[in-house]
C-alpha atoms as a PDB file:
ATOM      1  CA  UNK A   1      69.705  -1.032 132.485  1.00  0.00           C
ATOM      2  CA  UNK A   2      70.390   1.427 135.284  1.00  0.00           C
ATOM      3  CA  UNK A   3      67.039   0.999 137.011  1.00  0.00           C
ATOM      4  CA  UNK A   4      68.536  -1.776 139.173  1.00  0.00           C
ATOM      5  CA  UNK A   5      71.108   0.582 140.666  1.00  0.00           C
ATOM      6  CA  UNK A   6      70.168   2.344 143.903  1.00  0.00           C
ATOM      7  CA  UNK A   7      70.495   6.105 143.952  1.00  0.00           C
ATOM      8  CA  UNK A   8      70.237   6.587 140.175  1.00  0.00           C
ATOM      9  CA  UNK A   9      68.111   9.575 139.278  1.00  0.00           C
ATOM     10  CA  UNK A  10      66.994  10.382 135.731  1.00  0.00           C
ATOM     11  CA  UNK A  11      66.758  14.070 134.904  1.00  0.00           C
ATOM     12  CA  UNK A  12      67.579  16.487 132.148  1.00  0.00           C
ATOM     13  CA  UNK A  13      71.179  17.417 131.442  1.00  0.00           C
ATOM     14  CA  UNK A  14      71.764  20.167 128.873  1.00  0.00           C
ATOM     15  CA  UNK A  15      68.295  19.489 127.489  1.00  0.00           C
ATOM     16  CA  UNK A  16      68.895  15.757 126.981  1.00  0.00           C
ATOM     17  CA  UNK A  17      68.041  12.715 129.136  1.00  0.00           C
ATOM     18  CA  UNK A  18      70.674  12.243 131.842  1.00  0.00           C
ATOM     19  CA  UNK A  19      71.504   9.897 134.698  1.00  0.00           C
ATOM     20  CA  UNK A  20      72.898  10.927 138.056  1.00  0.00           C
ATOM     21  CA  UNK A  21      74.021   9.027 141.135  1.00  0.00           C
ATOM     22  CA  UNK A  22      72.585  11.310 143.760  1.00  0.00           C
ATOM     23  CA  UNK A  23      73.731  14.732 142.557  1.00  0.00           C
ATOM     24  CA  UNK A  24      76.752  13.461 140.615  1.00  0.00           C
ATOM     25  CA  UNK A  25      76.542  13.260 136.836  1.00  0.00           C
ATOM     26  CA  UNK A  26      77.012   9.769 135.348  1.00  0.00           C
ATOM     27  CA  UNK A  27      75.692   9.746 131.770  1.00  0.00           C
ATOM     28  CA  UNK A  28      73.559  11.567 129.229  1.00  0.00           C
ATOM     29  CA  UNK A  29      72.596  11.404 125.607  1.00  0.00           C
ATOM     30  CA  UNK A  30      74.731  13.982 123.831  1.00  0.00           C
ATOM     31  CA  UNK A  31      72.873  13.469 120.579  1.00  0.00           C
ATOM     32  CA  UNK A  32      70.812  10.561 119.245  1.00  0.00           C
ATOM     33  CA  UNK A  33      72.930   7.415 119.511  1.00  0.00           C
ATOM     34  CA  UNK A  34      75.854   8.996 121.393  1.00  0.00           C
ATOM     35  CA  UNK A  35      76.240   8.661 125.152  1.00  0.00           C
ATOM     36  CA  UNK A  36      78.481  10.813 127.357  1.00  0.00           C
ATOM     37  CA  UNK A  37      79.790   8.597 130.169  1.00  0.00           C
ATOM     38  CA  UNK A  38      81.598   9.729 133.288  1.00  0.00           C
ATOM     39  CA  UNK A  39      83.778   8.967 135.216  1.00  0.00           C
ATOM     40  CA  UNK A  40      86.191   6.945 133.115  1.00  0.00           C
ATOM     41  CA  UNK A  41      89.818   6.600 134.187  1.00  0.00           C
ATOM     42  CA  UNK A  42      92.549   7.876 131.825  1.00  0.00           C
ATOM     43  CA  UNK A  43      94.018   4.432 131.091  1.00  0.00           C
ATOM     44  CA  UNK A  44      90.602   2.959 130.364  1.00  0.00           C
ATOM     45  CA  UNK A  45      89.680   5.938 128.183  1.00  0.00           C
ATOM     46  CA  UNK A  46      92.844   5.570 126.072  1.00  0.00           C
ATOM     47  CA  UNK A  47      92.473   1.784 125.833  1.00  0.00           C
ATOM     48  CA  UNK A  48      88.857   1.961 124.641  1.00  0.00           C
ATOM     49  CA  UNK A  49      89.602   4.636 122.045  1.00  0.00           C
ATOM     50  CA  UNK A  50      92.689   2.812 120.742  1.00  0.00           C
ATOM     51  CA  UNK A  51      91.123  -0.645 120.571  1.00  0.00           C
ATOM     52  CA  UNK A  52      87.587   0.335 119.498  1.00  0.00           C
ATOM     53  CA  UNK A  53      87.768   3.746 117.794  1.00  0.00           C
ATOM     54  CA  UNK A  54      84.521   3.078 115.945  1.00  0.00           C
ATOM     55  CA  UNK A  55      82.705   2.898 119.303  1.00  0.00           C
ATOM     56  CA  UNK A  56      84.604   5.241 121.658  1.00  0.00           C
ATOM     57  CA  UNK A  57      85.841   8.774 121.016  1.00  0.00           C
ATOM     58  CA  UNK A  58      86.268  12.276 122.411  1.00  0.00           C
ATOM     59  CA  UNK A  59      85.712  15.745 121.075  1.00  0.00           C
ATOM     60  CA  UNK A  60      87.912  18.702 122.019  1.00  0.00           C
ATOM     61  CA  UNK A  61      85.268  19.775 124.532  1.00  0.00           C
ATOM     62  CA  UNK A  62      85.769  16.586 126.594  1.00  0.00           C
ATOM     63  CA  UNK A  63      89.578  16.240 126.363  1.00  0.00           C
ATOM     64  CA  UNK A  64      91.230  16.342 129.766  1.00  0.00           C
ATOM     65  CA  UNK A  65      88.088  15.209 131.577  1.00  0.00           C
ATOM     66  CA  UNK A  66      87.315  11.703 132.915  1.00  0.00           C
ATOM     67  CA  UNK A  67      84.685  11.257 130.217  1.00  0.00           C
ATOM     68  CA  UNK A  68      84.204   9.166 127.103  1.00  0.00           C
ATOM     69  CA  UNK A  69      81.718   9.364 124.246  1.00  0.00           C
ATOM     70  CA  UNK A  70      80.070   6.097 123.233  1.00  0.00           C
ATOM     71  CA  UNK A  71      78.441   5.346 119.884  1.00  0.00           C
ATOM     72  CA  UNK A  72      75.618   3.149 121.145  1.00  0.00           C
ATOM     73  CA  UNK A  73      75.187   1.348 117.824  1.00  0.00           C
ATOM     74  CA  UNK A  74      78.808   0.126 118.038  1.00  0.00           C
ATOM     75  CA  UNK A  75      78.803  -1.420 121.526  1.00  0.00           C
ATOM     76  CA  UNK A  76      77.013  -4.523 122.688  1.00  0.00           C
ATOM     77  CA  UNK A  77      74.586  -4.564 125.610  1.00  0.00           C
ATOM     78  CA  UNK A  78      77.014  -6.475 127.858  1.00  0.00           C
ATOM     79  CA  UNK A  79      79.860  -4.025 127.268  1.00  0.00           C
ATOM     80  CA  UNK A  80      77.573  -1.038 127.846  1.00  0.00           C
ATOM     81  CA  UNK A  81      76.213  -2.624 131.024  1.00  0.00           C
ATOM     82  CA  UNK A  82      79.778  -3.154 132.254  1.00  0.00           C
ATOM     83  CA  UNK A  83      80.740   0.456 131.581  1.00  0.00           C
ATOM     84  CA  UNK A  84      77.618   1.759 133.326  1.00  0.00           C
ATOM     85  CA  UNK A  85      78.314  -0.553 136.275  1.00  0.00           C
ATOM     86  CA  UNK A  86      81.888   0.743 136.592  1.00  0.00           C
ATOM     87  CA  UNK A  87      80.758   4.365 136.392  1.00  0.00           C
ATOM     88  CA  UNK A  88      78.028   3.804 138.952  1.00  0.00           C
ATOM     89  CA  UNK A  89      80.471   2.103 141.347  1.00  0.00           C
ATOM     90  CA  UNK A  90      82.917   5.013 141.044  1.00  0.00           C
ATOM     91  CA  UNK A  91      80.191   7.480 141.997  1.00  0.00           C
ATOM     92  CA  UNK A  92      78.215   5.461 144.550  1.00  0.00           C
ATOM     93  CA  UNK A  93      78.539   5.973 148.266  1.00  0.00           C
ATOM     94  CA  UNK A  94      79.505   3.066 150.514  1.00  0.00           C
ATOM     95  CA  UNK A  95      75.873   2.808 151.559  1.00  0.00           C
ATOM     96  CA  UNK A  96      74.688   2.490 147.932  1.00  0.00           C
ATOM     97  CA  UNK A  97      77.421  -0.060 147.158  1.00  0.00           C
ATOM     98  CA  UNK A  98      76.405  -2.141 150.163  1.00  0.00           C
ATOM     99  CA  UNK A  99      72.746  -1.911 149.153  1.00  0.00           C
ATOM    100  CA  UNK A 100      73.451  -3.185 145.653  1.00  0.00           C
ATOM    101  CA  UNK A 101      75.865  -5.893 146.756  1.00  0.00           C
ATOM    102  CA  UNK A 102      73.402  -7.209 149.335  1.00  0.00           C
ATOM    103  CA  UNK A 103      70.823  -7.951 146.652  1.00  0.00           C
ATOM    104  CA  UNK A 104      70.884 -11.632 145.637  1.00  0.00           C
ATOM    105  CA  UNK A 105      70.387 -10.853 141.939  1.00  0.00           C
ATOM    106  CA  UNK A 106      73.387  -8.498 141.758  1.00  0.00           C
ATOM    107  CA  UNK A 107      76.014 -10.343 143.774  1.00  0.00           C
ATOM    108  CA  UNK A 108      77.643 -11.619 140.605  1.00  0.00           C
ATOM    109  CA  UNK A 109      78.353  -7.986 139.600  1.00  0.00           C
ATOM    110  CA  UNK A 110      80.171  -7.170 142.799  1.00  0.00           C
ATOM    111  CA  UNK A 111      83.906  -6.948 143.112  1.00  0.00           C
ATOM    112  CA  UNK A 112      83.966  -9.782 145.622  1.00  0.00           C
ATOM    113  CA  UNK A 113      85.865 -12.934 144.706  1.00  0.00           C
ATOM    114  CA  UNK A 114      83.762 -15.912 143.720  1.00  0.00           C
ATOM    115  CA  UNK A 115      83.046 -18.501 146.400  1.00  0.00           C
ATOM    116  CA  UNK A 116      85.015 -21.696 146.178  1.00  0.00           C
ATOM    117  CA  UNK A 117      82.561 -24.575 146.228  1.00  0.00           C
ATOM    118  CA  UNK A 118      84.907 -27.483 145.682  1.00  0.00           C
ATOM    119  CA  UNK A 119      87.537 -28.689 148.120  1.00  0.00           C
ATOM    120  CA  UNK A 120      89.197 -30.999 145.579  1.00  0.00           C
ATOM    121  CA  UNK A 121      92.774 -30.145 144.866  1.00  0.00           C
ATOM    122  CA  UNK A 122      94.039 -30.323 141.315  1.00  0.00           C
ATOM    123  CA  UNK A 123      96.255 -33.294 140.647  1.00  0.00           C
ATOM    124  CA  UNK A 124      99.854 -32.688 139.699  1.00  0.00           C
ATOM    125  CA  UNK A 125     100.520 -32.980 136.019  1.00  0.00           C
ATOM    126  CA  UNK A 126     103.445 -35.117 134.955  1.00  0.00           C
ATOM    127  CA  UNK A 127     104.769 -34.924 131.456  1.00  0.00           C
ATOM    128  CA  UNK A 128     106.950 -37.868 130.380  1.00  0.00           C
END
């Protein structure tokens, strides 16, 4: 999933497989089936834990840090891909962001607004 992102380096983190953007930590397996993901903003962290407590949680060790623990068996591939994309974008340099966004296959993931392809204007709706 993260192989498409420029600057991602896989290396050990606390004896488990980890992912870094350059030298900055992004994710690692904490234990089988549980991913440590960073950075995650406070509001997003609270929202995920409140709305999907079976999938997202923290231990005392991680409280107060921009991190979330993810039970991989409880999240779908699309949601995980979105979280990894957000984390990567928060850690990536401008150069890495530009490199990814210039790739034709990843333009849909960028934060750019979609192109408008139609010049037709919607017709006014009249309710009688």
